[in-house]
């Protein structure tokens, strides 16, 4: 199994997003890429002196197969409206959010302190809507829309969630004091 630190050759053209700008690019077949991070069902690769994010659904372009997490995320995106047969366990939502990562930082967004609030509300149609308030490490982060989409998709994969609204805020501004002790330890920021 390949992982961070492995150098691979792309087997086909693959769509990617330049980090931190958020600009879409195509990495051509035969390009040499170095996997710098493989977390949350996506791959961060170094290619031609740039970092880029490749979605898990395109793992085959790296010569890899989809993980169970990637298959679940794909399934959730296909089932935007799924049946609800009970309440949402808020802890399951937090656990799903712990599978979301900033492509430049190997710590999940919950431990980074980017998620300010999670609120589950029963909607008028009998479904369960999840409202999430979050921020980014920097207001101008070009990866923000991609992180928000990841949050939305992974929250939709939680049992009995029928809808998700993600509000991106910058007040209060994020700072490293919001990180968990585990995150600070992992990043050497004590």
Protein backbone atom coordinates (compact mmCIF):
# COMPACT_ATOMS: atom_id res chain seq x y z
CA UNK A 1 0.00 0.00 0.00
CA UNK A 2 1.35 3.41 -0.96
CA UNK A 3 1.23 6.33 1.44
CA UNK A 4 2.81 9.66 2.27
CA UNK A 5 6.40 9.80 1.11
CA UNK A 6 5.90 7.58 -1.93
CA UNK A 7 6.79 8.81 -5.41
CA UNK A 8 4.42 7.58 -8.10
CA UNK A 9 3.80 8.10 -11.80
CA UNK A 10 0.30 9.12 -12.83
CA UNK A 11 -1.39 6.50 -14.98
CA UNK A 12 -3.74 8.96 -16.68
CA UNK A 13 -4.53 12.67 -16.80
CA UNK A 14 -6.04 13.63 -13.44
CA UNK A 15 -7.89 16.73 -12.25
CA UNK A 16 -6.36 18.38 -9.19
CA UNK A 17 -6.52 21.62 -7.22
CA UNK A 18 -3.41 23.75 -6.67
CA UNK A 19 -2.72 24.44 -3.00
CA UNK A 20 -3.16 27.03 -1.49
CA UNK A 21 -4.68 28.96 -4.40
CA UNK A 22 -7.56 26.59 -5.14
CA UNK A 23 -6.91 26.77 -8.89
CA UNK A 24 -8.02 23.72 -10.91
CA UNK A 25 -5.26 22.01 -12.91
CA UNK A 26 -4.78 18.79 -14.84
CA UNK A 27 -1.77 16.66 -13.97
CA UNK A 28 -0.84 14.78 -17.16
CA UNK A 29 -0.38 11.03 -17.46
CA UNK A 30 3.22 10.05 -16.81
CA UNK A 31 3.90 12.88 -14.32
CA UNK A 32 6.02 12.05 -11.28
CA UNK A 33 4.23 12.97 -8.04
CA UNK A 34 5.26 12.68 -4.40
CA UNK A 35 2.44 11.94 -1.96
CA UNK A 36 2.92 14.38 0.93
CA UNK A 37 -0.37 13.66 2.72
CA UNK A 38 -3.02 10.97 2.44
CA UNK A 39 -5.76 11.92 4.87
CA UNK A 40 -9.52 12.27 4.83
CA UNK A 41 -9.94 10.41 1.56
CA UNK A 42 -7.84 12.84 -0.50
CA UNK A 43 -4.21 13.01 -1.56
CA UNK A 44 -1.89 15.98 -1.36
CA UNK A 45 0.91 15.59 -3.88
CA UNK A 46 3.98 17.54 -4.85
CA UNK A 47 4.27 17.88 -8.59
CA UNK A 48 6.55 20.21 -10.54
CA UNK A 49 7.39 22.22 -7.42
CA UNK A 50 3.73 22.77 -6.49
CA UNK A 51 1.33 21.14 -4.06
CA UNK A 52 -1.95 19.82 -5.42
CA UNK A 53 -4.95 18.00 -3.98
CA UNK A 54 -6.31 14.94 -5.76
CA UNK A 55 -9.72 13.58 -4.80
CA UNK A 56 -10.00 9.99 -3.59
CA UNK A 57 -12.25 9.09 -6.52
CA UNK A 58 -9.18 9.65 -8.73
CA UNK A 59 -6.88 7.34 -6.72
CA UNK A 60 -6.64 5.06 -9.76
CA UNK A 61 -4.66 7.81 -11.53
CA UNK A 62 -2.02 7.30 -8.82
CA UNK A 63 -2.16 3.54 -9.22
CA UNK A 64 -4.16 3.22 -5.98
CA UNK A 65 -7.64 1.90 -5.22
CA UNK A 66 -10.35 3.75 -3.33
CA UNK A 67 -10.39 3.33 0.46
CA UNK A 68 -13.59 2.49 2.39
CA UNK A 69 -13.73 6.15 3.47
CA UNK A 70 -13.57 7.33 -0.14
CA UNK A 71 -16.30 4.89 -1.20
CA UNK A 72 -18.54 6.11 1.67
CA UNK A 73 -17.96 9.76 0.71
CA UNK A 74 -18.82 9.02 -2.95
CA UNK A 75 -21.94 7.19 -1.86
CA UNK A 76 -23.02 10.14 0.32
CA UNK A 77 -22.66 12.55 -2.61
CA UNK A 78 -24.86 10.30 -4.75
CA UNK A 79 -27.54 10.13 -2.02
CA UNK A 80 -28.11 13.84 -1.40
CA UNK A 81 -31.64 13.05 -0.17
CA UNK A 82 -31.72 9.83 1.84
CA UNK A 83 -34.42 8.40 4.11
CA UNK A 84 -34.44 9.40 7.76
CA UNK A 85 -35.49 6.82 10.32
CA UNK A 86 -34.51 8.48 13.57
CA UNK A 87 -32.47 11.18 15.24
CA UNK A 88 -28.90 12.16 14.40
CA UNK A 89 -26.22 11.30 16.93
CA UNK A 90 -24.28 14.58 17.18
CA UNK A 91 -21.15 12.64 18.16
CA UNK A 92 -21.34 10.86 14.78
CA UNK A 93 -21.28 14.28 13.10
CA UNK A 94 -18.19 15.30 15.09
CA UNK A 95 -16.55 11.97 14.19
CA UNK A 96 -17.27 12.59 10.49
CA UNK A 97 -15.75 16.08 10.78
CA UNK A 98 -12.60 14.50 12.22
CA UNK A 99 -12.09 12.93 8.78
CA UNK A 100 -11.82 16.38 7.13
CA UNK A 101 -8.36 17.87 6.67
CA UNK A 102 -6.75 21.02 5.41
CA UNK A 103 -4.58 19.64 2.56
CA UNK A 104 -1.50 21.43 3.94
CA UNK A 105 -1.86 20.39 7.59
CA UNK A 106 -1.90 16.75 8.77
CA UNK A 107 -4.41 17.45 11.57
CA UNK A 108 -8.19 17.18 11.24
CA UNK A 109 -10.28 20.37 11.25
CA UNK A 110 -11.86 19.60 14.64
CA UNK A 111 -8.51 19.28 16.43
CA UNK A 112 -7.27 22.36 14.55
CA UNK A 113 -10.14 24.26 16.18
CA UNK A 114 -11.75 25.25 12.89
CA UNK A 115 -15.23 23.96 13.80
CA UNK A 116 -16.99 26.41 16.12
CA UNK A 117 -20.45 24.84 16.36
CA UNK A 118 -22.54 21.87 15.26
CA UNK A 119 -26.30 22.02 15.70
CA UNK A 120 -28.82 19.36 14.63
CA UNK A 121 -32.35 20.59 13.88
CA UNK A 122 -35.40 18.58 12.86
CA UNK A 123 -36.81 20.23 9.75
CA UNK A 124 -40.46 20.68 8.74
CA UNK A 125 -40.38 17.62 6.47
CA UNK A 126 -39.30 15.28 9.29
CA UNK A 127 -35.65 15.27 8.27
CA UNK A 128 -32.59 16.22 10.28
CA UNK A 129 -30.67 19.28 9.18
CA UNK A 130 -27.15 19.92 10.50
CA UNK A 131 -25.89 23.48 10.79
CA UNK A 132 -22.11 23.84 11.09
CA UNK A 133 -20.25 27.06 11.86
CA UNK A 134 -16.56 26.94 11.01
CA UNK A 135 -13.59 29.01 9.96
CA UNK A 136 -10.28 28.59 8.13
CA UNK A 137 -6.73 29.09 9.32
CA UNK A 138 -6.52 32.15 7.03
CA UNK A 139 -9.37 34.20 5.52
CA UNK A 140 -7.84 34.23 2.02
CA UNK A 141 -7.33 30.45 1.85
CA UNK A 142 -8.12 29.33 -1.69
CA UNK A 143 -8.83 25.82 -0.40
CA UNK A 144 -11.77 27.08 1.71
CA UNK A 145 -14.51 26.06 -0.77
CA UNK A 146 -13.00 22.57 -1.07
CA UNK A 147 -12.78 22.12 2.70
CA UNK A 148 -16.40 23.31 3.07
CA UNK A 149 -17.53 20.83 0.36
CA UNK A 150 -15.67 18.05 2.16
CA UNK A 151 -17.40 18.99 5.43
CA UNK A 152 -20.79 18.98 3.69
CA UNK A 153 -20.29 15.60 1.99
CA UNK A 154 -18.92 13.84 5.05
CA UNK A 155 -21.70 15.20 7.25
CA UNK A 156 -24.28 13.99 4.72
CA UNK A 157 -22.81 10.49 5.09
CA UNK A 158 -23.86 10.40 8.78
CA UNK A 159 -26.95 8.27 9.49
CA UNK A 160 -30.24 10.19 9.41
CA UNK A 161 -28.74 13.48 8.17
CA UNK A 162 -30.95 14.84 5.40
CA UNK A 163 -29.36 18.24 4.89
CA UNK A 164 -26.29 20.29 5.81
CA UNK A 165 -25.60 24.00 5.93
CA UNK A 166 -22.01 25.15 6.47
CA UNK A 167 -21.47 28.75 7.52
CA UNK A 168 -17.93 30.01 7.05
CA UNK A 169 -17.08 32.80 9.51
CA UNK A 170 -13.94 34.75 10.34
CA UNK A 171 -15.02 36.22 13.66
CA UNK A 172 -13.55 35.15 15.92
CA UNK A 173 -10.43 34.78 13.83
CA UNK A 174 -8.67 31.43 14.16
CA UNK A 175 -5.39 31.26 16.03
CA UNK A 176 -3.29 28.35 17.19
CA UNK A 177 -4.61 28.59 20.76
CA UNK A 178 -7.83 27.02 19.38
CA UNK A 179 -6.02 23.76 18.56
CA UNK A 180 -6.35 20.75 20.82
CA UNK A 181 -3.34 19.72 22.89
CA UNK A 182 -2.97 16.67 20.64
CA UNK A 183 -2.85 18.86 17.53
CA UNK A 184 -0.24 21.18 19.05
CA UNK A 185 1.85 18.18 20.07
CA UNK A 186 1.56 16.60 16.60
CA UNK A 187 2.61 19.86 14.94
CA UNK A 188 5.32 20.65 17.50
CA UNK A 189 3.63 23.91 18.51
CA UNK A 190 3.96 23.77 22.31
